[in-house]
Amino acid sequence: MARVISLFYALIIFLFLFLVATNGDLSPCLRSGDCSKDECPSHLVPKCIGLTCYCI
């Protein structure tokens, strides 16, 4: 029983870390000039698509 509870806690922690990591990548914007160039690798350009910055 203790092993099941430990597994459950571990799954909650990994799920939380996954959600935090995936939500941290997107920045809100109104136009492409609002996107920071530091967010993208050097070969990609930040663009505002649907009020969110993406590296294209």
PDB file of N, CA and C in Angstrom:
ATOM      1  N   MET A   1       0.817  -1.195   0.000  1.00  0.00           N
ATOM      2  CA  MET A   1       0.000   0.000   0.000  1.00  0.00           C
ATOM      3  C   MET A   1       0.865   1.266   0.000  1.00  0.00           C
ATOM      4  N   ALA A   2       1.929   1.250   0.775  1.00  0.00           N
ATOM      5  CA  ALA A   2       2.825   2.404   0.829  1.00  0.00           C
ATOM      6  C   ALA A   2       3.503   2.624  -0.519  1.00  0.00           C
ATOM      7  N   ARG A   3       3.759   1.548  -1.227  1.00  0.00           N
ATOM      8  CA  ARG A   3       4.399   1.654  -2.537  1.00  0.00           C
ATOM      9  C   ARG A   3       3.461   2.331  -3.546  1.00  0.00           C
ATOM     10  N   VAL A   4       2.191   2.032  -3.464  1.00  0.00           N
ATOM     11  CA  VAL A   4       1.207   2.648  -4.357  1.00  0.00           C
ATOM     12  C   VAL A   4       1.105   4.144  -4.078  1.00  0.00           C
ATOM     13  N   ILE A   5       1.102   4.518  -2.831  1.00  0.00           N
ATOM     14  CA  ILE A   5       1.027   5.933  -2.463  1.00  0.00           C
ATOM     15  C   ILE A   5       2.281   6.669  -2.927  1.00  0.00           C
ATOM     16  N   SER A   6       3.445   6.058  -2.773  1.00  0.00           N
ATOM     17  CA  SER A   6       4.685   6.676  -3.241  1.00  0.00           C
ATOM     18  C   SER A   6       4.664   6.861  -4.752  1.00  0.00           C
ATOM     19  N   LEU A   7       4.160   5.886  -5.472  1.00  0.00           N
ATOM     20  CA  LEU A   7       4.052   5.994  -6.924  1.00  0.00           C
ATOM     21  C   LEU A   7       3.088   7.116  -7.304  1.00  0.00           C
ATOM     22  N   PHE A   8       1.993   7.211  -6.591  1.00  0.00           N
ATOM     23  CA  PHE A   8       1.013   8.268  -6.843  1.00  0.00           C
ATOM     24  C   PHE A   8       1.638   9.646  -6.630  1.00  0.00           C
ATOM     25  N   TYR A   9       2.379   9.833  -5.558  1.00  0.00           N
ATOM     26  CA  TYR A   9       3.048  11.107  -5.298  1.00  0.00           C
ATOM     27  C   TYR A   9       4.075  11.415  -6.381  1.00  0.00           C
ATOM     28  N   ALA A  10       4.819  10.426  -6.813  1.00  0.00           N
ATOM     29  CA  ALA A  10       5.812  10.631  -7.867  1.00  0.00           C
ATOM     30  C   ALA A  10       5.133  11.055  -9.170  1.00  0.00           C
ATOM     31  N   LEU A  11       4.008  10.448  -9.503  1.00  0.00           N
ATOM     32  CA  LEU A  11       3.282  10.825 -10.714  1.00  0.00           C
ATOM     33  C   LEU A  11       2.775  12.261 -10.640  1.00  0.00           C
ATOM     34  N   ILE A  12       2.306  12.667  -9.480  1.00  0.00           N
ATOM     35  CA  ILE A  12       1.842  14.049  -9.311  1.00  0.00           C
ATOM     36  C   ILE A  12       2.999  15.025  -9.507  1.00  0.00           C
ATOM     37  N   ILE A  13       4.150  14.731  -8.946  1.00  0.00           N
ATOM     38  CA  ILE A  13       5.316  15.613  -9.079  1.00  0.00           C
ATOM     39  C   ILE A  13       5.741  15.719 -10.534  1.00  0.00           C
ATOM     40  N   PHE A  14       5.847  14.595 -11.242  1.00  0.00           N
ATOM     41  CA  PHE A  14       6.261  14.633 -12.643  1.00  0.00           C
ATOM     42  C   PHE A  14       5.229  15.338 -13.514  1.00  0.00           C
ATOM     43  N   LEU A  15       3.961  15.156 -13.232  1.00  0.00           N
ATOM     44  CA  LEU A  15       2.921  15.848 -13.982  1.00  0.00           C
ATOM     45  C   LEU A  15       3.021  17.353 -13.761  1.00  0.00           C
ATOM     46  N   PHE A  16       3.229  17.778 -12.528  1.00  0.00           N
ATOM     47  CA  PHE A  16       3.380  19.194 -12.224  1.00  0.00           C
ATOM     48  C   PHE A  16       4.591  19.782 -12.946  1.00  0.00           C
ATOM     49  N   LEU A  17       5.730  19.089 -12.908  1.00  0.00           N
ATOM     50  CA  LEU A  17       6.931  19.576 -13.589  1.00  0.00           C
ATOM     51  C   LEU A  17       6.709  19.666 -15.093  1.00  0.00           C
ATOM     52  N   PHE A  18       6.018  18.703 -15.669  1.00  0.00           N
ATOM     53  CA  PHE A  18       5.723  18.729 -17.100  1.00  0.00           C
ATOM     54  C   PHE A  18       4.856  19.936 -17.450  1.00  0.00           C
ATOM     55  N   LEU A  19       3.836  20.201 -16.656  1.00  0.00           N
ATOM     56  CA  LEU A  19       2.959  21.335 -16.928  1.00  0.00           C
ATOM     57  C   LEU A  19       3.693  22.661 -16.794  1.00  0.00           C
ATOM     58  N   VAL A  20       4.553  22.778 -15.816  1.00  0.00           N
ATOM     59  CA  VAL A  20       5.326  24.007 -15.633  1.00  0.00           C
ATOM     60  C   VAL A  20       6.282  24.200 -16.799  1.00  0.00           C
ATOM     61  N   ALA A  21       6.941  23.143 -17.235  1.00  0.00           N
ATOM     62  CA  ALA A  21       7.902  23.243 -18.331  1.00  0.00           C
ATOM     63  C   ALA A  21       7.220  23.596 -19.645  1.00  0.00           C
ATOM     64  N   THR A  22       6.070  23.056 -19.920  1.00  0.00           N
ATOM     65  CA  THR A  22       5.403  23.346 -21.185  1.00  0.00           C
ATOM     66  C   THR A  22       4.750  24.709 -21.188  1.00  0.00           C
ATOM     67  N   ASN A  23       4.287  25.202 -20.069  1.00  0.00           N
ATOM     68  CA  ASN A  23       3.661  26.518 -20.022  1.00  0.00           C
ATOM     69  C   ASN A  23       4.678  27.642 -20.002  1.00  0.00           C
ATOM     70  N   GLY A  24       5.909  27.371 -19.661  1.00  0.00           N
ATOM     71  CA  GLY A  24       6.917  28.409 -19.588  1.00  0.00           C
ATOM     72  C   GLY A  24       7.481  28.829 -20.921  1.00  0.00           C
ATOM     73  N   ASP A  25       7.213  28.120 -21.993  1.00  0.00           N
ATOM     74  CA  ASP A  25       7.813  28.395 -23.289  1.00  0.00           C
ATOM     75  C   ASP A  25       7.104  29.481 -24.080  1.00  0.00           C
ATOM     76  N   LEU A  26       5.863  29.753 -23.827  1.00  0.00           N
ATOM     77  CA  LEU A  26       5.092  30.669 -24.647  1.00  0.00           C
ATOM     78  C   LEU A  26       4.936  32.021 -23.967  1.00  0.00           C
ATOM     79  N   SER A  27       5.125  33.090 -24.760  1.00  0.00           N
ATOM     80  CA  SER A  27       4.984  34.447 -24.237  1.00  0.00           C
ATOM     81  C   SER A  27       3.835  35.146 -24.953  1.00  0.00           C
ATOM     82  N   PRO A  28       3.026  35.914 -24.240  1.00  0.00           N
ATOM     83  CA  PRO A  28       1.935  36.640 -24.896  1.00  0.00           C
ATOM     84  C   PRO A  28       2.467  37.825 -25.697  1.00  0.00           C
ATOM     85  N   CYS A  29       1.766  38.180 -26.791  1.00  0.00           N
ATOM     86  CA  CYS A  29       2.186  39.301 -27.631  1.00  0.00           C
ATOM     87  C   CYS A  29       0.990  39.840 -28.406  1.00  0.00           C
ATOM     88  N   LEU A  30       1.158  41.036 -28.939  1.00  0.00           N
ATOM     89  CA  LEU A  30       0.172  41.622 -29.842  1.00  0.00           C
ATOM     90  C   LEU A  30       0.722  41.709 -31.260  1.00  0.00           C
ATOM     91  N   ARG A  31       2.050  41.881 -31.379  1.00  0.00           N
ATOM     92  CA  ARG A  31       2.705  41.910 -32.684  1.00  0.00           C
ATOM     93  C   ARG A  31       4.085  41.288 -32.549  1.00  0.00           C
ATOM     94  N   SER A  32       4.732  41.000 -33.660  1.00  0.00           N
ATOM     95  CA  SER A  32       6.019  40.299 -33.635  1.00  0.00           C
ATOM     96  C   SER A  32       7.100  41.091 -32.908  1.00  0.00           C
ATOM     97  N   GLY A  33       6.980  42.410 -32.870  1.00  0.00           N
ATOM     98  CA  GLY A  33       7.955  43.235 -32.161  1.00  0.00           C
ATOM     99  C   GLY A  33       7.924  43.035 -30.653  1.00  0.00           C
ATOM    100  N   ASP A  34       6.842  42.495 -30.130  1.00  0.00           N
ATOM    101  CA  ASP A  34       6.724  42.230 -28.695  1.00  0.00           C
ATOM    102  C   ASP A  34       7.513  40.997 -28.265  1.00  0.00           C
ATOM    103  N   CYS A  35       7.880  40.142 -29.204  1.00  0.00           N
ATOM    104  CA  CYS A  35       8.586  38.894 -28.891  1.00  0.00           C
ATOM    105  C   CYS A  35      10.078  39.164 -28.714  1.00  0.00           C
ATOM    106  N   SER A  36      10.654  38.637 -27.660  1.00  0.00           N
ATOM    107  CA  SER A  36      12.072  38.817 -27.373  1.00  0.00           C
ATOM    108  C   SER A  36      12.912  37.908 -28.261  1.00  0.00           C
ATOM    109  N   LYS A  37      13.989  38.446 -28.813  1.00  0.00           N
ATOM    110  CA  LYS A  37      14.877  37.644 -29.662  1.00  0.00           C
ATOM    111  C   LYS A  37      15.694  36.657 -28.843  1.00  0.00           C
ATOM    112  N   ASP A  38      15.778  36.871 -27.532  1.00  0.00           N
ATOM    113  CA  ASP A  38      16.541  35.974 -26.663  1.00  0.00           C
ATOM    114  C   ASP A  38      15.823  34.648 -26.428  1.00  0.00           C
ATOM    115  N   GLU A  39      14.535  34.570 -26.735  1.00  0.00           N
ATOM    116  CA  GLU A  39      13.762  33.354 -26.491  1.00  0.00           C
ATOM    117  C   GLU A  39      14.048  32.260 -27.515  1.00  0.00           C
ATOM    118  N   CYS A  40      14.559  32.640 -28.692  1.00  0.00           N
ATOM    119  CA  CYS A  40      14.747  31.682 -29.788  1.00  0.00           C
ATOM    120  C   CYS A  40      16.227  31.393 -30.020  1.00  0.00           C
ATOM    121  N   PRO A  41      16.538  30.195 -30.538  1.00  0.00           N
ATOM    122  CA  PRO A  41      17.907  29.913 -30.978  1.00  0.00           C
ATOM    123  C   PRO A  41      18.297  30.882 -32.100  1.00  0.00           C
ATOM    124  N   SER A  42      19.588  31.014 -32.362  1.00  0.00           N
ATOM    125  CA  SER A  42      20.076  32.026 -33.300  1.00  0.00           C
ATOM    126  C   SER A  42      19.554  31.841 -34.722  1.00  0.00           C
ATOM    127  N   HIS A  43      19.231  30.629 -35.138  1.00  0.00           N
ATOM    128  CA  HIS A  43      18.779  30.402 -36.513  1.00  0.00           C
ATOM    129  C   HIS A  43      17.264  30.563 -36.678  1.00  0.00           C
ATOM    130  N   LEU A  44      16.540  30.852 -35.604  1.00  0.00           N
ATOM    131  CA  LEU A  44      15.092  31.035 -35.667  1.00  0.00           C
ATOM    132  C   LEU A  44      14.715  32.473 -35.331  1.00  0.00           C
ATOM    133  N   VAL A  45      13.568  32.912 -35.856  1.00  0.00           N
ATOM    134  CA  VAL A  45      13.093  34.281 -35.648  1.00  0.00           C
ATOM    135  C   VAL A  45      11.783  34.231 -34.861  1.00  0.00           C
ATOM    136  N   PRO A  46      11.635  35.068 -33.822  1.00  0.00           N
ATOM    137  CA  PRO A  46      10.372  35.077 -33.068  1.00  0.00           C
ATOM    138  C   PRO A  46       9.262  35.771 -33.853  1.00  0.00           C
ATOM    139  N   LYS A  47       8.095  35.152 -33.905  1.00  0.00           N
ATOM    140  CA  LYS A  47       6.923  35.707 -34.588  1.00  0.00           C
ATOM    141  C   LYS A  47       5.715  35.611 -33.665  1.00  0.00           C
ATOM    142  N   CYS A  48       4.834  36.595 -33.751  1.00  0.00           N
ATOM    143  CA  CYS A  48       3.600  36.601 -32.975  1.00  0.00           C
ATOM    144  C   CYS A  48       2.500  35.958 -33.812  1.00  0.00           C
ATOM    145  N   ILE A  49       2.008  34.817 -33.353  1.00  0.00           N
ATOM    146  CA  ILE A  49       0.944  34.092 -34.048  1.00  0.00           C
ATOM    147  C   ILE A  49      -0.144  33.787 -33.023  1.00  0.00           C
ATOM    148  N   GLY A  50      -1.329  34.312 -33.250  1.00  0.00           N
ATOM    149  CA  GLY A  50      -2.447  34.047 -32.333  1.00  0.00           C
ATOM    150  C   GLY A  50      -2.194  34.530 -30.922  1.00  0.00           C
ATOM    151  N   LEU A  51      -1.589  35.714 -30.773  1.00  0.00           N
ATOM    152  CA  LEU A  51      -1.296  36.337 -29.475  1.00  0.00           C
ATOM    153  C   LEU A  51      -0.264  35.576 -28.649  1.00  0.00           C
ATOM    154  N   THR A  52       0.553  34.729 -29.304  1.00  0.00           N
ATOM    155  CA  THR A  52       1.594  33.968 -28.622  1.00  0.00           C
ATOM    156  C   THR A  52       2.866  34.002 -29.457  1.00  0.00           C
ATOM    157  N   CYS A  53       4.017  34.161 -28.807  1.00  0.00           N
ATOM    158  CA  CYS A  53       5.300  34.167 -29.511  1.00  0.00           C
ATOM    159  C   CYS A  53       5.744  32.742 -29.823  1.00  0.00           C
ATOM    160  N   TYR A  54       6.143  32.530 -31.074  1.00  0.00           N
ATOM    161  CA  TYR A  54       6.679  31.243 -31.515  1.00  0.00           C
ATOM    162  C   TYR A  54       7.994  31.482 -32.235  1.00  0.00           C
ATOM    163  N   CYS A  55       8.888  30.525 -32.160  1.00  0.00           N
ATOM    164  CA  CYS A  55      10.156  30.591 -32.884  1.00  0.00           C
ATOM    165  C   CYS A  55       9.982  29.888 -34.228  1.00  0.00           C
ATOM    166  N   ILE A  56      10.166  30.652 -35.310  1.00  0.00           N
ATOM    167  CA  ILE A  56       9.972  30.094 -36.655  1.00  0.00           C
ATOM    168  C   ILE A  56      11.255  30.237 -37.442  1.00  0.00           C
TER     169      ILE A  56
END
